[in-house]
């Protein structure tokens, strides 16, 4: 009796890039779902995406800082594609006839129903903001090399998040929220996201340092 050949499997890379991309995309999708709800804390109006969305930029910073613009852009486009897939999937679920015993169709539509305006706002803001963030970070790194990491972790996200906030808020809620309330909504969204970046700066430093030390090709590329 012949000995069966062992099964073949593809080798997994030692790089942490796929893991970080997975975290990046996961944070993005959860934030997009949370963003459909407006939240009010006294005079402050924001959306549910505020809880996790700043972490999307932190993950994007890690991708840009460690792997470069092309790798970050690839992750950004993957996130964009998954956002579109999620929107289309929710739309298909929405228009599918509900089972007779399931009486939550209206509730589903109010939370996860396909709203073209929100979807357009989300993907447009995300694409503009993330690409700006990655591009500016890499351009600054070309000048500063391994120095002034704090500048790369604060400056580019501020640019990207400002563009993201303006695009998303305008497309999604302009006319729904008007006048002073709209300005507060935009200003708080931007200020809050920037503040989270500042507060989590030590964490970002630690994570980026940890990733760099575990990427052999990064260590090889840095001059001794």
Protein backbone atom coordinates (compact mmCIF):
# COMPACT_ATOMS: atom_id res chain seq x y z
CA UNK A 1 0.00 0.00 0.00
CA UNK A 2 1.51 3.31 -1.08
CA UNK A 3 2.10 6.06 1.46
CA UNK A 4 -0.17 9.03 0.78
CA UNK A 5 1.52 12.29 -0.04
CA UNK A 6 1.23 14.97 2.65
CA UNK A 7 -1.27 17.70 2.01
CA UNK A 8 0.16 20.95 0.66
CA UNK A 9 -0.48 24.31 2.26
CA UNK A 10 0.76 27.78 1.42
CA UNK A 11 3.35 29.22 3.77
CA UNK A 12 2.23 32.17 5.88
CA UNK A 13 4.45 35.24 5.93
CA UNK A 14 6.20 36.34 9.09
CA UNK A 15 5.04 39.88 8.40
CA UNK A 16 2.46 41.46 10.69
CA UNK A 17 1.03 43.42 7.75
CA UNK A 18 -2.00 41.13 7.13
CA UNK A 19 -2.92 41.23 10.82
CA UNK A 20 -2.77 45.02 10.96
CA UNK A 21 -4.80 45.30 7.76
CA UNK A 22 -7.42 43.00 9.30
CA UNK A 23 -7.63 45.17 12.41
CA UNK A 24 -7.77 48.30 10.24
CA UNK A 25 -10.67 46.99 8.14
CA UNK A 26 -12.52 45.61 11.17
CA UNK A 27 -12.36 48.94 13.01
CA UNK A 28 -13.56 50.71 9.87
CA UNK A 29 -16.60 48.47 9.36
CA UNK A 30 -17.66 48.61 13.02
CA UNK A 31 -17.28 52.40 13.00
CA UNK A 32 -19.37 52.74 9.85
CA UNK A 33 -22.21 50.79 11.43
CA UNK A 34 -22.00 52.87 14.61
CA UNK A 35 -22.00 56.10 12.61
CA UNK A 36 -25.65 55.70 11.56
CA UNK A 37 -26.74 56.84 15.03
CA UNK A 38 -26.46 60.46 16.10
CA UNK A 39 -25.52 60.89 19.76
CA UNK A 40 -26.12 63.98 21.87
CA UNK A 41 -24.19 64.86 25.03
CA UNK A 42 -25.68 68.16 26.15
CA UNK A 43 -24.81 70.72 23.46
CA UNK A 44 -22.48 68.28 21.71
CA UNK A 45 -23.79 66.24 18.79
CA UNK A 46 -21.73 63.46 17.25
CA UNK A 47 -22.27 59.99 15.81
CA UNK A 48 -21.62 56.50 17.11
CA UNK A 49 -18.56 56.14 14.94
CA UNK A 50 -16.72 58.43 17.34
CA UNK A 51 -15.98 55.55 19.70
CA UNK A 52 -13.76 53.57 17.34
CA UNK A 53 -13.11 55.64 14.23
CA UNK A 54 -10.04 57.47 15.65
CA UNK A 55 -8.44 54.05 16.03
CA UNK A 56 -8.81 53.55 12.27
CA UNK A 57 -6.41 56.47 11.79
CA UNK A 58 -4.00 55.06 14.36
CA UNK A 59 -3.97 51.73 12.51
CA UNK A 60 -3.50 53.68 9.28
CA UNK A 61 -0.55 55.52 10.84
CA UNK A 62 1.08 52.20 11.72
CA UNK A 63 0.64 50.93 8.16
CA UNK A 64 2.06 54.11 6.64
CA UNK A 65 4.95 54.46 9.08
CA UNK A 66 6.12 50.86 8.92
CA UNK A 67 5.14 49.66 5.44
CA UNK A 68 5.03 52.83 3.31
CA UNK A 69 2.45 54.58 1.16
CA UNK A 70 1.83 51.80 -1.37
CA UNK A 71 1.15 49.23 1.35
CA UNK A 72 -1.08 51.68 3.24
CA UNK A 73 -2.94 52.55 0.04
CA UNK A 74 -3.57 48.85 -0.57
CA UNK A 75 -5.10 48.52 2.90
CA UNK A 76 -7.17 51.65 2.34
CA UNK A 77 -8.57 50.25 -0.91
CA UNK A 78 -9.34 46.93 0.78
CA UNK A 79 -11.25 48.83 3.46
CA UNK A 80 -13.07 50.78 0.76
CA UNK A 81 -14.06 47.58 -1.05
CA UNK A 82 -15.25 45.92 2.18
CA UNK A 83 -17.32 49.01 3.05
CA UNK A 84 -19.05 48.84 -0.31
CA UNK A 85 -19.58 45.08 0.11
CA UNK A 86 -21.09 45.65 3.56
CA UNK A 87 -23.45 48.32 2.20
CA UNK A 88 -24.57 46.11 -0.70
CA UNK A 89 -25.04 43.15 1.64
CA UNK A 90 -27.18 45.16 4.07
CA UNK A 91 -29.21 46.43 1.11
CA UNK A 92 -29.83 42.89 -0.16
CA UNK A 93 -30.87 41.80 3.33
CA UNK A 94 -33.13 44.83 3.58
CA UNK A 95 -35.02 44.17 0.35
CA UNK A 96 -35.30 40.41 0.94
CA UNK A 97 -38.80 39.41 2.14
CA UNK A 98 -38.78 38.89 5.92
CA UNK A 99 -39.92 35.61 7.40
CA UNK A 100 -43.51 35.71 8.64
CA UNK A 101 -42.43 35.10 12.24
CA UNK A 102 -39.80 37.87 12.14
CA UNK A 103 -41.32 41.22 12.98
CA UNK A 104 -38.25 43.43 13.04
CA UNK A 105 -38.09 44.62 9.44
CA UNK A 106 -38.66 48.28 10.29
CA UNK A 107 -36.11 48.13 13.11
CA UNK A 108 -33.54 46.58 10.77
CA UNK A 109 -34.14 49.21 8.10
CA UNK A 110 -33.87 52.06 10.62
CA UNK A 111 -30.45 50.87 11.83
CA UNK A 112 -28.78 48.95 8.99
CA UNK A 113 -30.98 49.85 6.06
CA UNK A 114 -29.26 51.05 2.91
CA UNK A 115 -29.10 54.85 3.02
CA UNK A 116 -27.29 56.06 -0.10
CA UNK A 117 -26.40 59.40 1.45
CA UNK A 118 -24.74 57.83 4.50
CA UNK A 119 -22.90 55.25 2.40
CA UNK A 120 -21.61 57.91 0.00
CA UNK A 121 -20.55 60.15 2.90
CA UNK A 122 -18.77 57.34 4.67
CA UNK A 123 -16.76 56.00 1.74
CA UNK A 124 -15.95 59.46 0.35
CA UNK A 125 -14.78 60.84 3.69
CA UNK A 126 -12.82 57.71 4.47
CA UNK A 127 -11.07 57.57 1.10
CA UNK A 128 -10.09 61.25 1.06
CA UNK A 129 -9.02 61.34 4.70
CA UNK A 130 -7.02 58.10 4.77
CA UNK A 131 -5.18 58.73 1.50
CA UNK A 132 -4.25 62.25 2.66
CA UNK A 133 -3.11 60.92 6.02
CA UNK A 134 -0.91 58.22 4.49
CA UNK A 135 0.58 60.48 1.82
CA UNK A 136 1.44 63.34 4.19
CA UNK A 137 2.91 60.96 6.79
CA UNK A 138 5.19 59.31 4.25
CA UNK A 139 6.29 62.66 2.81
CA UNK A 140 7.22 63.90 6.30
CA UNK A 141 9.09 60.65 6.98
CA UNK A 142 11.13 61.08 3.81
CA UNK A 143 12.49 64.28 5.40
CA UNK A 144 12.71 63.23 9.05
CA UNK A 145 13.65 59.54 8.59
CA UNK A 146 13.37 57.85 12.01
CA UNK A 147 13.29 61.15 13.91
CA UNK A 148 10.25 63.18 15.04
CA UNK A 149 7.77 60.30 15.05
CA UNK A 150 5.41 62.46 17.13
CA UNK A 151 5.16 64.89 14.21
CA UNK A 152 4.15 62.10 11.83
CA UNK A 153 1.58 60.76 14.30
CA UNK A 154 -0.09 64.12 14.92
CA UNK A 155 0.28 66.25 11.79
CA UNK A 156 -0.95 63.92 9.03
CA UNK A 157 -3.91 62.53 11.02
CA UNK A 158 -5.03 66.10 11.74
CA UNK A 159 -5.01 66.81 7.99
CA UNK A 160 -6.74 63.55 7.12
CA UNK A 161 -9.32 63.70 9.90
CA UNK A 162 -10.18 67.31 9.08
CA UNK A 163 -10.84 66.39 5.44
CA UNK A 164 -12.69 63.22 6.48
CA UNK A 165 -14.88 65.09 8.97
CA UNK A 166 -15.78 67.88 6.56
CA UNK A 167 -16.62 65.48 3.72
CA UNK A 168 -18.59 63.01 5.86
CA UNK A 169 -20.55 65.56 7.89
CA UNK A 170 -21.45 67.64 4.85
CA UNK A 171 -22.62 64.75 2.69
CA UNK A 172 -24.30 62.78 5.48
CA UNK A 173 -26.01 65.35 7.66
CA UNK A 174 -25.97 68.81 6.08
CA UNK A 175 -29.62 69.84 5.99
CA UNK A 176 -30.51 67.25 8.62
CA UNK A 177 -28.45 69.22 11.13
CA UNK A 178 -28.36 72.92 10.31
CA UNK A 179 -26.87 76.18 11.46
CA UNK A 180 -24.97 76.25 14.74
CA UNK A 181 -25.72 72.60 15.49
CA UNK A 182 -24.00 71.55 12.25
CA UNK A 183 -20.92 73.64 13.03
CA UNK A 184 -20.75 72.14 16.53
CA UNK A 185 -21.12 68.67 15.05
CA UNK A 186 -18.22 69.23 12.63
CA UNK A 187 -16.00 71.00 15.17
CA UNK A 188 -16.53 68.41 17.88
CA UNK A 189 -15.99 65.51 15.48
CA UNK A 190 -12.63 66.90 14.39
CA UNK A 191 -11.51 68.00 17.86
CA UNK A 192 -12.46 64.70 19.44
CA UNK A 193 -10.65 62.57 16.87
CA UNK A 194 -7.53 64.74 17.16
CA UNK A 195 -7.65 64.57 20.96
CA UNK A 196 -7.80 60.78 20.87
CA UNK A 197 -4.67 60.75 18.68
CA UNK A 198 -2.88 62.93 21.26
CA UNK A 199 -4.03 60.89 24.26
CA UNK A 200 -3.06 57.61 22.61
CA UNK A 201 0.29 58.91 21.33
CA UNK A 202 2.31 56.83 23.86
CA UNK A 203 0.38 53.74 22.81
CA UNK A 204 1.01 54.48 19.14
CA UNK A 205 4.72 54.92 19.86
CA UNK A 206 4.86 51.59 21.68
CA UNK A 207 2.92 49.67 19.04
CA UNK A 208 4.93 51.10 16.14
CA UNK A 209 8.19 50.32 17.92
CA UNK A 210 7.01 46.79 18.62
CA UNK A 211 5.98 46.20 14.99
CA UNK A 212 9.24 47.63 13.64
CA UNK A 213 11.31 45.33 15.85
CA UNK A 214 9.38 42.30 14.61
CA UNK A 215 9.63 43.11 10.92
CA UNK A 216 13.03 41.74 9.78
CA UNK A 217 12.90 43.64 6.48
CA UNK A 218 12.35 46.93 8.31
CA UNK A 219 15.36 46.41 10.56
CA UNK A 220 17.47 45.56 7.48
CA UNK A 221 16.40 48.76 5.71
CA UNK A 222 17.23 51.13 8.59
CA UNK A 223 20.86 52.34 8.52
CA UNK A 224 22.86 51.24 11.54
